[in-house]
């Protein structure tokens, strides 16, 4: 009887300790993401301080081609939110009669994930069909969604900043 109790206790302890999760080495994981940090910056008169949120860079993911960057940007929500240059400019028309677009600055934490993974199939949609056009330059690329008989016209501007690609601006000219 004692032998059975001892065996049960050993199995329980073995199970408990084998399930313990060790913290992963961030350097070993290529997908490691660190939370944004906050820096203090002195104001213009030197005594006021404003809080500036600085997203932590994903150092191992820089110096890549735009295509490699965009493949990950399209499907990884955490990576995407870290690769938006805040405050990001978002231009859009509130009404079809507006002559100039409205500018909204998107702050860190208020950017919503955009699923680009379905863009390749959008041409085959029954409704809201659009095609993709990419204009590549050395340090700026425009990723355009151009609607087919439906008024969709959205341009995402990506810029190469310090060796890393960032989404810096959205221009929504949809009608």
C-alpha atoms as a PDB file:
ATOM      1  CA  UNK A   1       0.000   0.000   0.000  1.00  0.00           C
ATOM      2  CA  UNK A   2       2.825   2.385   0.859  1.00  0.00           C
ATOM      3  CA  UNK A   3       4.526   1.506  -2.382  1.00  0.00           C
ATOM      4  CA  UNK A   4       1.404   2.513  -4.388  1.00  0.00           C
ATOM      5  CA  UNK A   5       1.084   5.822  -2.496  1.00  0.00           C
ATOM      6  CA  UNK A   6       4.764   6.564  -3.073  1.00  0.00           C
ATOM      7  CA  UNK A   7       4.409   5.777  -6.785  1.00  0.00           C
ATOM      8  CA  UNK A   8       1.353   8.054  -7.080  1.00  0.00           C
ATOM      9  CA  UNK A   9       3.159  10.913  -5.290  1.00  0.00           C
ATOM     10  CA  UNK A  10       6.221  10.535  -7.520  1.00  0.00           C
ATOM     11  CA  UNK A  11       4.050  10.546 -10.667  1.00  0.00           C
ATOM     12  CA  UNK A  12       2.178  13.653  -9.494  1.00  0.00           C
ATOM     13  CA  UNK A  13       5.437  15.480  -8.755  1.00  0.00           C
ATOM     14  CA  UNK A  14       6.906  14.371 -12.057  1.00  0.00           C
ATOM     15  CA  UNK A  15       3.865  15.643 -13.927  1.00  0.00           C
ATOM     16  CA  UNK A  16       3.864  18.943 -12.034  1.00  0.00           C
ATOM     17  CA  UNK A  17       7.527  19.713 -12.679  1.00  0.00           C
ATOM     18  CA  UNK A  18       7.532  18.546 -16.291  1.00  0.00           C
ATOM     19  CA  UNK A  19       4.708  20.999 -17.104  1.00  0.00           C
ATOM     20  CA  UNK A  20       6.596  23.970 -15.694  1.00  0.00           C
ATOM     21  CA  UNK A  21       7.280  26.427 -18.502  1.00  0.00           C
ATOM     22  CA  UNK A  22      10.679  28.020 -18.557  1.00  0.00           C
ATOM     23  CA  UNK A  23      10.948  31.559 -19.873  1.00  0.00           C
ATOM     24  CA  UNK A  24      12.117  31.476 -23.467  1.00  0.00           C
ATOM     25  CA  UNK A  25      15.322  33.096 -24.534  1.00  0.00           C
ATOM     26  CA  UNK A  26      14.273  36.147 -26.567  1.00  0.00           C
ATOM     27  CA  UNK A  27      17.446  36.055 -28.632  1.00  0.00           C
ATOM     28  CA  UNK A  28      16.748  32.471 -29.661  1.00  0.00           C
ATOM     29  CA  UNK A  29      13.264  33.268 -30.942  1.00  0.00           C
ATOM     30  CA  UNK A  30      13.154  35.153 -34.265  1.00  0.00           C
ATOM     31  CA  UNK A  31       9.569  36.240 -33.553  1.00  0.00           C
ATOM     32  CA  UNK A  32      10.229  37.732 -30.122  1.00  0.00           C
ATOM     33  CA  UNK A  33       8.376  40.980 -29.520  1.00  0.00           C
ATOM     34  CA  UNK A  34       9.035  43.276 -26.642  1.00  0.00           C
ATOM     35  CA  UNK A  35       6.424  45.714 -25.375  1.00  0.00           C
ATOM     36  CA  UNK A  36       6.701  49.380 -26.175  1.00  0.00           C
ATOM     37  CA  UNK A  37       8.778  51.460 -23.815  1.00  0.00           C
ATOM     38  CA  UNK A  38       8.113  54.925 -22.536  1.00  0.00           C
ATOM     39  CA  UNK A  39      10.698  57.707 -22.621  1.00  0.00           C
ATOM     40  CA  UNK A  40      10.541  61.076 -20.908  1.00  0.00           C
ATOM     41  CA  UNK A  41      11.377  64.129 -22.994  1.00  0.00           C
ATOM     42  CA  UNK A  42      11.773  67.644 -21.664  1.00  0.00           C
ATOM     43  CA  UNK A  43       9.364  70.199 -23.077  1.00  0.00           C
ATOM     44  CA  UNK A  44      10.340  73.387 -24.894  1.00  0.00           C
ATOM     45  CA  UNK A  45      10.796  75.370 -21.672  1.00  0.00           C
ATOM     46  CA  UNK A  46      12.774  72.566 -20.053  1.00  0.00           C
ATOM     47  CA  UNK A  47      10.543  71.912 -17.011  1.00  0.00           C
ATOM     48  CA  UNK A  48       7.500  70.191 -18.502  1.00  0.00           C
ATOM     49  CA  UNK A  49       7.856  66.556 -19.416  1.00  0.00           C
ATOM     50  CA  UNK A  50       5.812  64.685 -21.933  1.00  0.00           C
ATOM     51  CA  UNK A  51       5.536  60.935 -22.193  1.00  0.00           C
ATOM     52  CA  UNK A  52       6.597  59.577 -25.562  1.00  0.00           C
ATOM     53  CA  UNK A  53       5.834  55.977 -26.358  1.00  0.00           C
ATOM     54  CA  UNK A  54       8.563  54.344 -28.398  1.00  0.00           C
ATOM     55  CA  UNK A  55       7.730  50.991 -29.946  1.00  0.00           C
ATOM     56  CA  UNK A  56      10.517  48.499 -29.410  1.00  0.00           C
ATOM     57  CA  UNK A  57      12.191  47.513 -32.648  1.00  0.00           C
ATOM     58  CA  UNK A  58      12.333  43.958 -33.888  1.00  0.00           C
ATOM     59  CA  UNK A  59      16.022  44.170 -34.633  1.00  0.00           C
ATOM     60  CA  UNK A  60      16.356  40.821 -36.377  1.00  0.00           C
ATOM     61  CA  UNK A  61      13.589  41.666 -38.860  1.00  0.00           C
ATOM     62  CA  UNK A  62      15.178  44.732 -40.437  1.00  0.00           C
ATOM     63  CA  UNK A  63      17.253  44.859 -43.604  1.00  0.00           C
ATOM     64  CA  UNK A  64      14.810  42.692 -45.528  1.00  0.00           C
ATOM     65  CA  UNK A  65      13.217  43.159 -48.916  1.00  0.00           C
ATOM     66  CA  UNK A  66       9.819  44.808 -49.099  1.00  0.00           C
ATOM     67  CA  UNK A  67       8.252  41.552 -50.316  1.00  0.00           C
ATOM     68  CA  UNK A  68       9.608  39.572 -47.348  1.00  0.00           C
ATOM     69  CA  UNK A  69       8.515  42.333 -44.955  1.00  0.00           C
ATOM     70  CA  UNK A  70       5.027  42.581 -46.456  1.00  0.00           C
ATOM     71  CA  UNK A  71       4.447  38.824 -46.377  1.00  0.00           C
ATOM     72  CA  UNK A  72       4.835  38.918 -42.593  1.00  0.00           C
ATOM     73  CA  UNK A  73       3.131  42.311 -42.209  1.00  0.00           C
ATOM     74  CA  UNK A  74       0.057  40.960 -44.013  1.00  0.00           C
ATOM     75  CA  UNK A  75      -0.613  38.098 -41.614  1.00  0.00           C
ATOM     76  CA  UNK A  76       1.067  38.861 -38.259  1.00  0.00           C
ATOM     77  CA  UNK A  77      -0.990  41.318 -36.201  1.00  0.00           C
ATOM     78  CA  UNK A  78       1.680  41.968 -33.568  1.00  0.00           C
ATOM     79  CA  UNK A  79       4.367  42.523 -36.177  1.00  0.00           C
ATOM     80  CA  UNK A  80       1.990  44.784 -38.104  1.00  0.00           C
ATOM     81  CA  UNK A  81       1.208  47.021 -35.127  1.00  0.00           C
ATOM     82  CA  UNK A  82       4.923  47.317 -34.354  1.00  0.00           C
ATOM     83  CA  UNK A  83       5.697  48.321 -37.924  1.00  0.00           C
ATOM     84  CA  UNK A  84       3.381  51.321 -38.081  1.00  0.00           C
ATOM     85  CA  UNK A  85       5.141  54.673 -37.707  1.00  0.00           C
ATOM     86  CA  UNK A  86       3.155  56.560 -35.073  1.00  0.00           C
ATOM     87  CA  UNK A  87       1.470  58.935 -35.297  1.00  0.00           C
ATOM     88  CA  UNK A  88       0.387  57.571 -38.661  1.00  0.00           C
ATOM     89  CA  UNK A  89      -1.393  59.860 -41.113  1.00  0.00           C
ATOM     90  CA  UNK A  90      -4.758  58.611 -42.322  1.00  0.00           C
ATOM     91  CA  UNK A  91      -6.432  60.692 -45.021  1.00  0.00           C
ATOM     92  CA  UNK A  92     -10.042  60.012 -45.976  1.00  0.00           C
ATOM     93  CA  UNK A  93     -13.078  61.758 -47.445  1.00  0.00           C
ATOM     94  CA  UNK A  94     -16.019  62.022 -45.073  1.00  0.00           C
ATOM     95  CA  UNK A  95     -18.393  62.821 -47.910  1.00  0.00           C
ATOM     96  CA  UNK A  96     -18.195  62.427 -51.686  1.00  0.00           C
ATOM     97  CA  UNK A  97     -18.658  66.187 -52.046  1.00  0.00           C
ATOM     98  CA  UNK A  98     -15.553  67.005 -49.978  1.00  0.00           C
ATOM     99  CA  UNK A  99     -12.806  68.702 -51.970  1.00  0.00           C
ATOM    100  CA  UNK A 100     -10.015  67.928 -49.512  1.00  0.00           C
ATOM    101  CA  UNK A 101      -9.522  64.793 -47.447  1.00  0.00           C
ATOM    102  CA  UNK A 102      -9.777  64.778 -43.667  1.00  0.00           C
ATOM    103  CA  UNK A 103      -6.524  64.070 -41.840  1.00  0.00           C
ATOM    104  CA  UNK A 104      -6.607  61.875 -38.765  1.00  0.00           C
ATOM    105  CA  UNK A 105      -3.485  61.010 -36.803  1.00  0.00           C
ATOM    106  CA  UNK A 106      -3.570  57.410 -35.629  1.00  0.00           C
ATOM    107  CA  UNK A 107      -1.787  57.062 -32.293  1.00  0.00           C
ATOM    108  CA  UNK A 108      -0.067  53.978 -30.933  1.00  0.00           C
ATOM    109  CA  UNK A 109      -2.659  51.591 -29.533  1.00  0.00           C
ATOM    110  CA  UNK A 110      -5.516  52.811 -31.722  1.00  0.00           C
ATOM    111  CA  UNK A 111      -4.409  51.154 -34.963  1.00  0.00           C
ATOM    112  CA  UNK A 112      -6.578  48.203 -35.995  1.00  0.00           C
ATOM    113  CA  UNK A 113      -5.063  45.173 -37.691  1.00  0.00           C
ATOM    114  CA  UNK A 114      -5.628  45.084 -41.453  1.00  0.00           C
ATOM    115  CA  UNK A 115      -5.830  41.595 -42.946  1.00  0.00           C
ATOM    116  CA  UNK A 116      -3.987  41.766 -46.276  1.00  0.00           C
ATOM    117  CA  UNK A 117      -3.959  37.984 -46.739  1.00  0.00           C
ATOM    118  CA  UNK A 118      -7.196  37.975 -48.739  1.00  0.00           C
ATOM    119  CA  UNK A 119      -6.102  40.667 -51.189  1.00  0.00           C
ATOM    120  CA  UNK A 120      -4.809  38.170 -53.752  1.00  0.00           C
ATOM    121  CA  UNK A 121      -8.291  36.617 -53.987  1.00  0.00           C
ATOM    122  CA  UNK A 122     -10.272  39.899 -53.936  1.00  0.00           C
ATOM    123  CA  UNK A 123     -10.475  39.969 -57.723  1.00  0.00           C
ATOM    124  CA  UNK A 124     -12.643  36.838 -57.555  1.00  0.00           C
ATOM    125  CA  UNK A 125     -15.112  38.228 -54.976  1.00  0.00           C
ATOM    126  CA  UNK A 126     -18.743  38.456 -55.976  1.00  0.00           C
ATOM    127  CA  UNK A 127     -18.976  41.865 -54.280  1.00  0.00           C
ATOM    128  CA  UNK A 128     -16.324  44.437 -53.391  1.00  0.00           C
ATOM    129  CA  UNK A 129     -13.935  43.235 -56.089  1.00  0.00           C
ATOM    130  CA  UNK A 130     -10.598  44.981 -56.257  1.00  0.00           C
ATOM    131  CA  UNK A 131      -7.157  44.461 -57.648  1.00  0.00           C
ATOM    132  CA  UNK A 132      -3.796  45.190 -56.115  1.00  0.00           C
ATOM    133  CA  UNK A 133      -1.190  47.477 -57.573  1.00  0.00           C
ATOM    134  CA  UNK A 134       2.232  47.973 -55.995  1.00  0.00           C
ATOM    135  CA  UNK A 135       4.405  50.926 -56.983  1.00  0.00           C
ATOM    136  CA  UNK A 136       7.953  50.325 -55.804  1.00  0.00           C
ATOM    137  CA  UNK A 137      10.582  52.980 -55.348  1.00  0.00           C
ATOM    138  CA  UNK A 138      13.875  52.817 -53.494  1.00  0.00           C
ATOM    139  CA  UNK A 139      12.647  53.968 -50.059  1.00  0.00           C
ATOM    140  CA  UNK A 140       8.866  54.275 -50.518  1.00  0.00           C
ATOM    141  CA  UNK A 141       6.331  51.755 -51.785  1.00  0.00           C
ATOM    142  CA  UNK A 142       2.647  52.294 -52.469  1.00  0.00           C
ATOM    143  CA  UNK A 143       0.301  49.344 -51.986  1.00  0.00           C
ATOM    144  CA  UNK A 144      -2.995  50.182 -53.712  1.00  0.00           C
ATOM    145  CA  UNK A 145      -6.410  48.546 -53.547  1.00  0.00           C
ATOM    146  CA  UNK A 146      -8.244  49.570 -56.724  1.00  0.00           C
ATOM    147  CA  UNK A 147     -11.912  48.631 -56.856  1.00  0.00           C
ATOM    148  CA  UNK A 148     -13.593  47.243 -59.922  1.00  0.00           C
ATOM    149  CA  UNK A 149     -16.834  49.175 -60.502  1.00  0.00           C
ATOM    150  CA  UNK A 150     -17.347  49.784 -56.780  1.00  0.00           C
ATOM    151  CA  UNK A 151     -15.440  52.930 -55.700  1.00  0.00           C
ATOM    152  CA  UNK A 152     -12.750  51.228 -53.589  1.00  0.00           C
ATOM    153  CA  UNK A 153      -9.488  53.191 -53.811  1.00  0.00           C
ATOM    154  CA  UNK A 154      -7.113  52.874 -50.842  1.00  0.00           C
ATOM    155  CA  UNK A 155      -3.366  53.531 -50.894  1.00  0.00           C
ATOM    156  CA  UNK A 156      -1.028  52.324 -48.143  1.00  0.00           C
ATOM    157  CA  UNK A 157       2.330  54.097 -48.120  1.00  0.00           C
ATOM    158  CA  UNK A 158       5.328  52.199 -46.742  1.00  0.00           C
ATOM    159  CA  UNK A 159       8.694  53.844 -46.116  1.00  0.00           C
ATOM    160  CA  UNK A 160      12.128  52.441 -45.396  1.00  0.00           C
ATOM    161  CA  UNK A 161      13.279  54.069 -42.141  1.00  0.00           C
ATOM    162  CA  UNK A 162      16.647  53.124 -40.628  1.00  0.00           C
ATOM    163  CA  UNK A 163      16.693  49.894 -42.625  1.00  0.00           C
ATOM    164  CA  UNK A 164      13.168  48.814 -41.587  1.00  0.00           C
ATOM    165  CA  UNK A 165       9.910  49.049 -43.531  1.00  0.00           C
ATOM    166  CA  UNK A 166       7.028  50.916 -41.841  1.00  0.00           C
ATOM    167  CA  UNK A 167       3.466  51.797 -42.762  1.00  0.00           C
ATOM    168  CA  UNK A 168       3.517  55.605 -42.592  1.00  0.00           C
ATOM    169  CA  UNK A 169       0.303  56.745 -44.279  1.00  0.00           C
ATOM    170  CA  UNK A 170      -3.096  55.594 -45.523  1.00  0.00           C
ATOM    171  CA  UNK A 171      -5.007  57.519 -48.189  1.00  0.00           C
ATOM    172  CA  UNK A 172      -8.604  56.340 -48.564  1.00  0.00           C
ATOM    173  CA  UNK A 173     -10.141  57.912 -51.667  1.00  0.00           C
ATOM    174  CA  UNK A 174     -13.030  55.471 -51.824  1.00  0.00           C
ATOM    175  CA  UNK A 175     -16.384  56.863 -52.866  1.00  0.00           C
END
